[in-house]
PDB file of all heavy atoms in Angstrom:
ATOM      1  N   VAL A   1      -2.524  -1.817  17.337  1.00  0.00           N
ATOM      2  CA  VAL A   1      -1.292  -2.601  17.345  1.00  0.00           C
ATOM      3  C   VAL A   1      -0.493  -2.214  18.580  1.00  0.00           C
ATOM      4  O   VAL A   1      -0.312  -1.023  18.867  1.00  0.00           O
ATOM      5  CB  VAL A   1      -0.456  -2.331  16.076  1.00  0.00           C
ATOM      6  CG1 VAL A   1       0.818  -3.163  16.088  1.00  0.00           C
ATOM      7  CG2 VAL A   1      -1.278  -2.639  14.824  1.00  0.00           C
ATOM      8  N   PHE A   2      -0.021  -3.196  19.301  1.00  0.00           N
ATOM      9  CA  PHE A   2       0.762  -2.939  20.508  1.00  0.00           C
ATOM     10  C   PHE A   2       2.230  -2.765  20.126  1.00  0.00           C
ATOM     11  O   PHE A   2       2.814  -3.613  19.456  1.00  0.00           O
ATOM     12  CB  PHE A   2       0.592  -4.086  21.505  1.00  0.00           C
ATOM     13  CG  PHE A   2      -0.790  -4.159  22.087  1.00  0.00           C
ATOM     14  CD1 PHE A   2      -1.788  -4.887  21.456  1.00  0.00           C
ATOM     15  CD2 PHE A   2      -1.108  -3.469  23.249  1.00  0.00           C
ATOM     16  CE1 PHE A   2      -3.068  -4.948  21.970  1.00  0.00           C
ATOM     17  CE2 PHE A   2      -2.388  -3.525  23.767  1.00  0.00           C
ATOM     18  CZ  PHE A   2      -3.378  -4.256  23.139  1.00  0.00           C
ATOM     19  N   ASP A   3       2.789  -1.647  20.546  1.00  0.00           N
ATOM     20  CA  ASP A   3       4.162  -1.310  20.177  1.00  0.00           C
ATOM     21  C   ASP A   3       5.143  -1.981  21.138  1.00  0.00           C
ATOM     22  O   ASP A   3       5.376  -1.501  22.239  1.00  0.00           O
ATOM     23  CB  ASP A   3       4.343   0.210  20.203  1.00  0.00           C
ATOM     24  CG  ASP A   3       5.720   0.637  19.724  1.00  0.00           C
ATOM     25  OD1 ASP A   3       6.401  -0.203  19.109  1.00  0.00           O
ATOM     26  OD2 ASP A   3       6.094   1.793  19.963  1.00  0.00           O
ATOM     27  N   LEU A   4       5.709  -3.091  20.706  1.00  0.00           N
ATOM     28  CA  LEU A   4       6.630  -3.857  21.550  1.00  0.00           C
ATOM     29  C   LEU A   4       8.092  -3.540  21.257  1.00  0.00           C
ATOM     30  O   LEU A   4       8.968  -3.936  22.012  1.00  0.00           O
ATOM     31  CB  LEU A   4       6.393  -5.361  21.339  1.00  0.00           C
ATOM     32  CG  LEU A   4       4.956  -5.864  21.556  1.00  0.00           C
ATOM     33  CD1 LEU A   4       4.885  -7.358  21.296  1.00  0.00           C
ATOM     34  CD2 LEU A   4       4.482  -5.540  22.965  1.00  0.00           C
ATOM     35  N   VAL A   5       8.372  -2.848  20.168  1.00  0.00           N
ATOM     36  CA  VAL A   5       9.767  -2.619  19.780  1.00  0.00           C
ATOM     37  C   VAL A   5      10.164  -1.146  19.775  1.00  0.00           C
ATOM     38  O   VAL A   5      11.311  -0.812  19.491  1.00  0.00           O
ATOM     39  CB  VAL A   5      10.061  -3.225  18.388  1.00  0.00           C
ATOM     40  CG1 VAL A   5       9.841  -4.723  18.410  1.00  0.00           C
ATOM     41  CG2 VAL A   5       9.202  -2.573  17.315  1.00  0.00           C
ATOM     42  N   GLY A   6       9.225  -0.256  20.077  1.00  0.00           N
ATOM     43  CA  GLY A   6       9.583   1.162  20.134  1.00  0.00           C
ATOM     44  C   GLY A   6       9.476   1.841  18.785  1.00  0.00           C
ATOM     45  O   GLY A   6      10.475   2.194  18.175  1.00  0.00           O
ATOM     46  N   LEU A   7       8.244   1.998  18.314  1.00  0.00           N
ATOM     47  CA  LEU A   7       8.007   2.637  17.028  1.00  0.00           C
ATOM     48  C   LEU A   7       8.307   4.126  17.114  1.00  0.00           C
ATOM     49  O   LEU A   7       8.013   4.785  18.106  1.00  0.00           O
ATOM     50  CB  LEU A   7       6.552   2.429  16.616  1.00  0.00           C
ATOM     51  CG  LEU A   7       6.103   3.007  15.279  1.00  0.00           C
ATOM     52  CD1 LEU A   7       6.845   2.337  14.139  1.00  0.00           C
ATOM     53  CD2 LEU A   7       4.603   2.807  15.106  1.00  0.00           C
ATOM     54  N   GLN A   8       8.880   4.664  16.054  1.00  0.00           N
ATOM     55  CA  GLN A   8       9.212   6.090  16.025  1.00  0.00           C
ATOM     56  C   GLN A   8       7.964   6.917  15.744  1.00  0.00           C
ATOM     57  O   GLN A   8       7.215   6.661  14.821  1.00  0.00           O
ATOM     58  CB  GLN A   8      10.257   6.373  14.945  1.00  0.00           C
ATOM     59  CG  GLN A   8      10.592   7.855  14.817  1.00  0.00           C
ATOM     60  CD  GLN A   8      11.622   8.117  13.741  1.00  0.00           C
ATOM     61  OE1 GLN A   8      12.249   7.195  13.246  1.00  0.00           O
ATOM     62  NE2 GLN A   8      11.783   9.369  13.373  1.00  0.00           N
ATOM     63  N   ILE A   9       7.755   7.944  16.567  1.00  0.00           N
ATOM     64  CA  ILE A   9       6.650   8.867  16.353  1.00  0.00           C
ATOM     65  C   ILE A   9       7.080   9.907  15.332  1.00  0.00           C
ATOM     66  O   ILE A   9       8.121  10.548  15.481  1.00  0.00           O
ATOM     67  CB  ILE A   9       6.245   9.559  17.677  1.00  0.00           C
ATOM     68  CG1 ILE A   9       5.710   8.525  18.675  1.00  0.00           C
ATOM     69  CG2 ILE A   9       5.197  10.635  17.424  1.00  0.00           C
ATOM     70  CD1 ILE A   9       5.380   9.109  20.028  1.00  0.00           C
ATOM     71  N   ASN A  10       6.280  10.086  14.277  1.00  0.00           N
ATOM     72  CA  ASN A  10       6.625  11.038  13.220  1.00  0.00           C
ATOM     73  C   ASN A  10       6.018  12.415  13.426  1.00  0.00           C
ATOM     74  O   ASN A  10       6.169  13.292  12.581  1.00  0.00           O
ATOM     75  CB  ASN A  10       6.196  10.485  11.856  1.00  0.00           C
ATOM     76  CG  ASN A  10       7.116   9.377  11.386  1.00  0.00           C
ATOM     77  OD1 ASN A  10       8.300   9.373  11.713  1.00  0.00           O
ATOM     78  ND2 ASN A  10       6.582   8.436  10.638  1.00  0.00           N
ATOM     79  N   GLY A  11       5.317  12.598  14.542  1.00  0.00           N
ATOM     80  CA  GLY A  11       4.716  13.890  14.829  1.00  0.00           C
ATOM     81  C   GLY A  11       3.406  13.710  15.566  1.00  0.00           C
ATOM     82  O   GLY A  11       3.113  12.629  16.097  1.00  0.00           O
ATOM     83  N   TYR A  12       2.587  14.789  15.577  1.00  0.00           N
ATOM     84  CA  TYR A  12       1.318  14.761  16.304  1.00  0.00           C
ATOM     85  C   TYR A  12       0.214  15.372  15.457  1.00  0.00           C
ATOM     86  O   TYR A  12       0.429  16.336  14.719  1.00  0.00           O
ATOM     87  CB  TYR A  12       1.427  15.536  17.622  1.00  0.00           C
ATOM     88  CG  TYR A  12       2.400  14.919  18.598  1.00  0.00           C
ATOM     89  CD1 TYR A  12       3.755  15.217  18.537  1.00  0.00           C
ATOM     90  CD2 TYR A  12       1.970  14.013  19.566  1.00  0.00           C
ATOM     91  CE1 TYR A  12       4.657  14.636  19.421  1.00  0.00           C
ATOM     92  CE2 TYR A  12       2.863  13.433  20.454  1.00  0.00           C
ATOM     93  CZ  TYR A  12       4.204  13.746  20.371  1.00  0.00           C
ATOM     94  OH  TYR A  12       5.094  13.165  21.241  1.00  0.00           O
ATOM     95  N   VAL A  13      -0.975  14.790  15.568  1.00  0.00           N
ATOM     96  CA  VAL A  13      -2.158  15.303  14.883  1.00  0.00           C
ATOM     97  C   VAL A  13      -3.285  15.384  15.913  1.00  0.00           C
ATOM     98  O   VAL A  13      -3.655  14.368  16.506  1.00  0.00           O
ATOM     99  CB  VAL A  13      -2.587  14.392  13.715  1.00  0.00           C
ATOM    100  CG1 VAL A  13      -3.897  14.888  13.101  1.00  0.00           C
ATOM    101  CG2 VAL A  13      -1.506  14.326  12.663  1.00  0.00           C
ATOM    102  N   GLY A  14      -3.793  16.593  16.145  1.00  0.00           N
ATOM    103  CA  GLY A  14      -4.884  16.755  17.098  1.00  0.00           C
ATOM    104  C   GLY A  14      -4.546  16.289  18.493  1.00  0.00           C
ATOM    105  O   GLY A  14      -5.418  15.802  19.221  1.00  0.00           O
ATOM    106  N   GLY A  15      -3.283  16.396  18.879  1.00  0.00           N
ATOM    107  CA  GLY A  15      -2.872  15.990  20.215  1.00  0.00           C
ATOM    108  C   GLY A  15      -2.483  14.531  20.337  1.00  0.00           C
ATOM    109  O   GLY A  15      -1.972  14.105  21.374  1.00  0.00           O
ATOM    110  N   ASP A  16      -2.706  13.743  19.273  1.00  0.00           N
ATOM    111  CA  ASP A  16      -2.372  12.315  19.306  1.00  0.00           C
ATOM    112  C   ASP A  16      -1.084  12.044  18.532  1.00  0.00           C
ATOM    113  O   ASP A  16      -0.824  12.690  17.508  1.00  0.00           O
ATOM    114  CB  ASP A  16      -3.504  11.488  18.689  1.00  0.00           C
ATOM    115  CG  ASP A  16      -4.794  11.591  19.483  1.00  0.00           C
ATOM    116  OD1 ASP A  16      -4.696  11.640  20.726  1.00  0.00           O
ATOM    117  OD2 ASP A  16      -5.877  11.630  18.870  1.00  0.00           O
ATOM    118  N   PRO A  17      -0.284  11.083  18.984  1.00  0.00           N
ATOM    119  CA  PRO A  17       0.943  10.749  18.245  1.00  0.00           C
ATOM    120  C   PRO A  17       0.604  10.155  16.890  1.00  0.00           C
ATOM    121  O   PRO A  17      -0.378   9.436  16.736  1.00  0.00           O
ATOM    122  CB  PRO A  17       1.641   9.725  19.153  1.00  0.00           C
ATOM    123  CG  PRO A  17       0.565   9.173  20.024  1.00  0.00           C
ATOM    124  CD  PRO A  17      -0.431  10.270  20.204  1.00  0.00           C
ATOM    125  N   TYR A  18       1.429  10.489  15.896  1.00  0.00           N
ATOM    126  CA  TYR A  18       1.228   9.994  14.531  1.00  0.00           C
ATOM    127  C   TYR A  18       2.420   9.131  14.145  1.00  0.00           C
ATOM    128  O   TYR A  18       3.569   9.569  14.214  1.00  0.00           O
ATOM    129  CB  TYR A  18       1.081  11.160  13.551  1.00  0.00           C
ATOM    130  CG  TYR A  18       0.952  10.708  12.120  1.00  0.00           C
ATOM    131  CD1 TYR A  18      -0.225  10.129  11.667  1.00  0.00           C
ATOM    132  CD2 TYR A  18       2.012  10.827  11.230  1.00  0.00           C
ATOM    133  CE1 TYR A  18      -0.349   9.694  10.361  1.00  0.00           C
ATOM    134  CE2 TYR A  18       1.895  10.391   9.920  1.00  0.00           C
ATOM    135  CZ  TYR A  18       0.717   9.828   9.500  1.00  0.00           C
ATOM    136  OH  TYR A  18       0.605   9.384   8.206  1.00  0.00           O
ATOM    137  N   TYR A  19       2.132   7.872  13.719  1.00  0.00           N
ATOM    138  CA  TYR A  19       3.188   6.917  13.412  1.00  0.00           C
ATOM    139  C   TYR A  19       3.314   6.625  11.912  1.00  0.00           C
ATOM    140  O   TYR A  19       4.216   5.911  11.496  1.00  0.00           O
ATOM    141  CB  TYR A  19       2.913   5.589  14.127  1.00  0.00           C
ATOM    142  CG  TYR A  19       2.877   5.683  15.636  1.00  0.00           C
ATOM    143  CD1 TYR A  19       1.675   5.879  16.312  1.00  0.00           C
ATOM    144  CD2 TYR A  19       4.047   5.589  16.380  1.00  0.00           C
ATOM    145  CE1 TYR A  19       1.640   5.964  17.696  1.00  0.00           C
ATOM    146  CE2 TYR A  19       4.019   5.675  17.763  1.00  0.00           C
ATOM    147  CZ  TYR A  19       2.811   5.858  18.423  1.00  0.00           C
ATOM    148  OH  TYR A  19       2.776   5.954  19.791  1.00  0.00           O
ATOM    149  N   GLY A  20       2.408   7.147  11.110  1.00  0.00           N
ATOM    150  CA  GLY A  20       2.381   6.793   9.695  1.00  0.00           C
ATOM    151  C   GLY A  20       3.407   7.548   8.860  1.00  0.00           C
ATOM    152  O   GLY A  20       4.220   8.326   9.355  1.00  0.00           O
ATOM    153  N   ASN A  21       3.338   7.317   7.549  1.00  0.00           N
ATOM    154  CA  ASN A  21       4.247   7.973   6.613  1.00  0.00           C
ATOM    155  C   ASN A  21       3.876   9.443   6.446  1.00  0.00           C
ATOM    156  O   ASN A  21       2.718   9.828   6.611  1.00  0.00           O
ATOM    157  CB  ASN A  21       4.213   7.271   5.256  1.00  0.00           C
ATOM    158  CG  ASN A  21       4.774   5.867   5.332  1.00  0.00           C
ATOM    159  OD1 ASN A  21       5.687   5.605   6.107  1.00  0.00           O
ATOM    160  ND2 ASN A  21       4.241   4.968   4.529  1.00  0.00           N
ATOM    161  N   VAL A  22       4.857  10.252   6.104  1.00  0.00           N
ATOM    162  CA  VAL A  22       4.630  11.678   5.910  1.00  0.00           C
ATOM    163  C   VAL A  22       5.247  12.126   4.589  1.00  0.00           C
ATOM    164  O   VAL A  22       6.087  11.439   4.014  1.00  0.00           O
ATOM    165  CB  VAL A  22       5.243  12.516   7.059  1.00  0.00           C
ATOM    166  CG1 VAL A  22       4.583  12.180   8.370  1.00  0.00           C
ATOM    167  CG2 VAL A  22       6.755  12.319   7.143  1.00  0.00           C
ATOM    168  N   PHE A  23       4.787  13.288   4.095  1.00  0.00           N
ATOM    169  CA  PHE A  23       5.433  13.919   2.952  1.00  0.00           C
ATOM    170  C   PHE A  23       5.561  15.406   3.270  1.00  0.00           C
ATOM    171  O   PHE A  23       4.955  15.908   4.216  1.00  0.00           O
ATOM    172  CB  PHE A  23       4.636  13.687   1.661  1.00  0.00           C
ATOM    173  CG  PHE A  23       3.295  14.367   1.626  1.00  0.00           C
ATOM    174  CD1 PHE A  23       3.152  15.659   1.121  1.00  0.00           C
ATOM    175  CD2 PHE A  23       2.151  13.713   2.088  1.00  0.00           C
ATOM    176  CE1 PHE A  23       1.918  16.280   1.078  1.00  0.00           C
ATOM    177  CE2 PHE A  23       0.912  14.339   2.050  1.00  0.00           C
ATOM    178  CZ  PHE A  23       0.801  15.625   1.539  1.00  0.00           C
ATOM    179  N   PHE A  24       6.382  16.106   2.505  1.00  0.00           N
ATOM    180  CA  PHE A  24       6.655  17.510   2.789  1.00  0.00           C
ATOM    181  C   PHE A  24       6.234  18.406   1.629  1.00  0.00           C
ATOM    182  O   PHE A  24       6.443  18.075   0.465  1.00  0.00           O
ATOM    183  CB  PHE A  24       8.153  17.719   3.072  1.00  0.00           C
ATOM    184  CG  PHE A  24       8.599  17.126   4.372  1.00  0.00           C
ATOM    185  CD1 PHE A  24       8.933  15.783   4.467  1.00  0.00           C
ATOM    186  CD2 PHE A  24       8.672  17.901   5.514  1.00  0.00           C
ATOM    187  CE1 PHE A  24       9.340  15.227   5.663  1.00  0.00           C
ATOM    188  CE2 PHE A  24       9.081  17.363   6.724  1.00  0.00           C
ATOM    189  CZ  PHE A  24       9.413  16.027   6.803  1.00  0.00           C
ATOM    190  N   GLU A  25       5.618  19.529   1.953  1.00  0.00           N
ATOM    191  CA  GLU A  25       5.324  20.593   0.998  1.00  0.00           C
ATOM    192  C   GLU A  25       5.984  21.848   1.537  1.00  0.00           C
ATOM    193  O   GLU A  25       5.624  22.329   2.611  1.00  0.00           O
ATOM    194  CB  GLU A  25       3.809  20.832   0.892  1.00  0.00           C
ATOM    195  CG  GLU A  25       3.068  19.859   0.013  1.00  0.00           C
ATOM    196  CD  GLU A  25       3.305  20.070  -1.467  1.00  0.00           C
ATOM    197  OE1 GLU A  25       3.903  21.094  -1.842  1.00  0.00           O
ATOM    198  OE2 GLU A  25       2.892  19.197  -2.242  1.00  0.00           O
ATOM    199  N   ASN A  26       6.965  22.357   0.807  1.00  0.00           N
ATOM    200  CA  ASN A  26       7.664  23.567   1.254  1.00  0.00           C
ATOM    201  C   ASN A  26       8.201  23.418   2.677  1.00  0.00           C
ATOM    202  O   ASN A  26       8.130  24.342   3.492  1.00  0.00           O
ATOM    203  CB  ASN A  26       6.725  24.771   1.186  1.00  0.00           C
ATOM    204  CG  ASN A  26       6.660  25.343  -0.215  1.00  0.00           C
ATOM    205  OD1 ASN A  26       7.165  24.743  -1.157  1.00  0.00           O
ATOM    206  ND2 ASN A  26       6.051  26.483  -0.354  1.00  0.00           N
ATOM    207  N   GLY A  27       8.687  22.227   2.986  1.00  0.00           N
ATOM    208  CA  GLY A  27       9.267  22.005   4.298  1.00  0.00           C
ATOM    209  C   GLY A  27       8.264  21.735   5.398  1.00  0.00           C
ATOM    210  O   GLY A  27       8.638  21.553   6.552  1.00  0.00           O
ATOM    211  N   VAL A  28       6.964  21.712   5.070  1.00  0.00           N
ATOM    212  CA  VAL A  28       5.925  21.460   6.064  1.00  0.00           C
ATOM    213  C   VAL A  28       5.493  19.998   5.956  1.00  0.00           C
ATOM    214  O   VAL A  28       5.303  19.469   4.866  1.00  0.00           O
ATOM    215  CB  VAL A  28       4.723  22.396   5.846  1.00  0.00           C
ATOM    216  CG1 VAL A  28       3.643  22.113   6.889  1.00  0.00           C
ATOM    217  CG2 VAL A  28       5.176  23.847   5.947  1.00  0.00           C
ATOM    218  N   LYS A  29       5.321  19.368   7.106  1.00  0.00           N
ATOM    219  CA  LYS A  29       5.045  17.929   7.170  1.00  0.00           C
ATOM    220  C   LYS A  29       3.544  17.648   7.099  1.00  0.00           C
ATOM    221  O   LYS A  29       2.753  18.258   7.816  1.00  0.00           O
ATOM    222  CB  LYS A  29       5.623  17.379   8.475  1.00  0.00           C
ATOM    223  CG  LYS A  29       5.704  15.861   8.552  1.00  0.00           C
ATOM    224  CD  LYS A  29       6.129  15.406   9.945  1.00  0.00           C
ATOM    225  CE  LYS A  29       7.388  16.068  10.425  1.00  0.00           C
ATOM    226  NZ  LYS A  29       7.782  15.560  11.770  1.00  0.00           N
ATOM    227  N   TYR A  30       3.159  16.692   6.230  1.00  0.00           N
ATOM    228  CA  TYR A  30       1.754  16.309   6.085  1.00  0.00           C
ATOM    229  C   TYR A  30       1.610  14.791   6.094  1.00  0.00           C
ATOM    230  O   TYR A  30       2.538  14.060   5.749  1.00  0.00           O
ATOM    231  CB  TYR A  30       1.171  16.824   4.762  1.00  0.00           C
ATOM    232  CG  TYR A  30       1.133  18.324   4.628  1.00  0.00           C
ATOM    233  CD1 TYR A  30       2.124  19.003   3.922  1.00  0.00           C
ATOM    234  CD2 TYR A  30       0.104  19.059   5.198  1.00  0.00           C
ATOM    235  CE1 TYR A  30       2.097  20.379   3.788  1.00  0.00           C
ATOM    236  CE2 TYR A  30       0.068  20.432   5.070  1.00  0.00           C
ATOM    237  CZ  TYR A  30       1.060  21.090   4.370  1.00  0.00           C
ATOM    238  OH  TYR A  30       1.031  22.447   4.244  1.00  0.00           O
ATOM    239  N   ALA A  31       0.390  14.352   6.444  1.00  0.00           N
ATOM    240  CA  ALA A  31       0.017  12.950   6.313  1.00  0.00           C
ATOM    241  C   ALA A  31      -1.135  12.864   5.335  1.00  0.00           C
ATOM    242  O   ALA A  31      -1.853  13.842   5.112  1.00  0.00           O
ATOM    243  CB  ALA A  31      -0.419  12.391   7.666  1.00  0.00           C
ATOM    244  N   GLY A  32      -1.331  11.683   4.727  1.00  0.00           N
ATOM    245  CA  GLY A  32      -2.444  11.518   3.810  1.00  0.00           C
ATOM    246  C   GLY A  32      -2.053  11.765   2.369  1.00  0.00           C
ATOM    247  O   GLY A  32      -0.905  11.589   1.977  1.00  0.00           O
ATOM    248  N   MET A  33      -3.030  12.210   1.551  1.00  0.00           N
ATOM    249  CA  MET A  33      -2.817  12.450   0.129  1.00  0.00           C
ATOM    250  C   MET A  33      -2.369  13.888  -0.095  1.00  0.00           C
ATOM    251  O   MET A  33      -2.690  14.783   0.680  1.00  0.00           O
ATOM    252  CB  MET A  33      -4.113  12.182  -0.659  1.00  0.00           C
ATOM    253  CG  MET A  33      -4.670  10.778  -0.435  1.00  0.00           C
ATOM    254  SD  MET A  33      -3.525   9.472  -0.949  1.00  0.00           S
ATOM    255  CE  MET A  33      -3.556   9.711  -2.720  1.00  0.00           C
ATOM    256  N   ARG A  34      -1.664  14.119  -1.191  1.00  0.00           N
ATOM    257  CA  ARG A  34      -1.067  15.434  -1.418  1.00  0.00           C
ATOM    258  C   ARG A  34      -2.090  16.559  -1.541  1.00  0.00           C
ATOM    259  O   ARG A  34      -1.812  17.685  -1.178  1.00  0.00           O
ATOM    260  CB  ARG A  34      -0.167  15.402  -2.651  1.00  0.00           C
ATOM    261  CG  ARG A  34       1.140  14.715  -2.365  1.00  0.00           C
ATOM    262  CD  ARG A  34       2.194  15.027  -3.397  1.00  0.00           C
ATOM    263  NE  ARG A  34       3.470  14.463  -2.999  1.00  0.00           N
ATOM    264  CZ  ARG A  34       4.379  15.086  -2.270  1.00  0.00           C
ATOM    265  NH1 ARG A  34       4.155  16.309  -1.851  1.00  0.00           N
ATOM    266  NH2 ARG A  34       5.504  14.504  -1.949  1.00  0.00           N
ATOM    267  N   ASN A  35      -3.261  16.306  -2.092  1.00  0.00           N
ATOM    268  CA  ASN A  35      -4.222  17.390  -2.273  1.00  0.00           C
ATOM    269  C   ASN A  35      -5.165  17.557  -1.089  1.00  0.00           C
ATOM    270  O   ASN A  35      -5.933  18.501  -1.026  1.00  0.00           O
ATOM    271  CB  ASN A  35      -5.038  17.177  -3.547  1.00  0.00           C
ATOM    272  CG  ASN A  35      -4.182  17.323  -4.785  1.00  0.00           C
ATOM    273  OD1 ASN A  35      -3.241  18.112  -4.796  1.00  0.00           O
ATOM    274  ND2 ASN A  35      -4.488  16.567  -5.821  1.00  0.00           N
TER     275      ASN A  35
END
């Protein structure tokens, strides 16, 4: 998807920007499923 409006980066995974949803465990940011 081409970012024409300036999507917010939620962090980085393996050196690549991550744009998806995140959740927190003990204040630590994760992507994907909780387990």
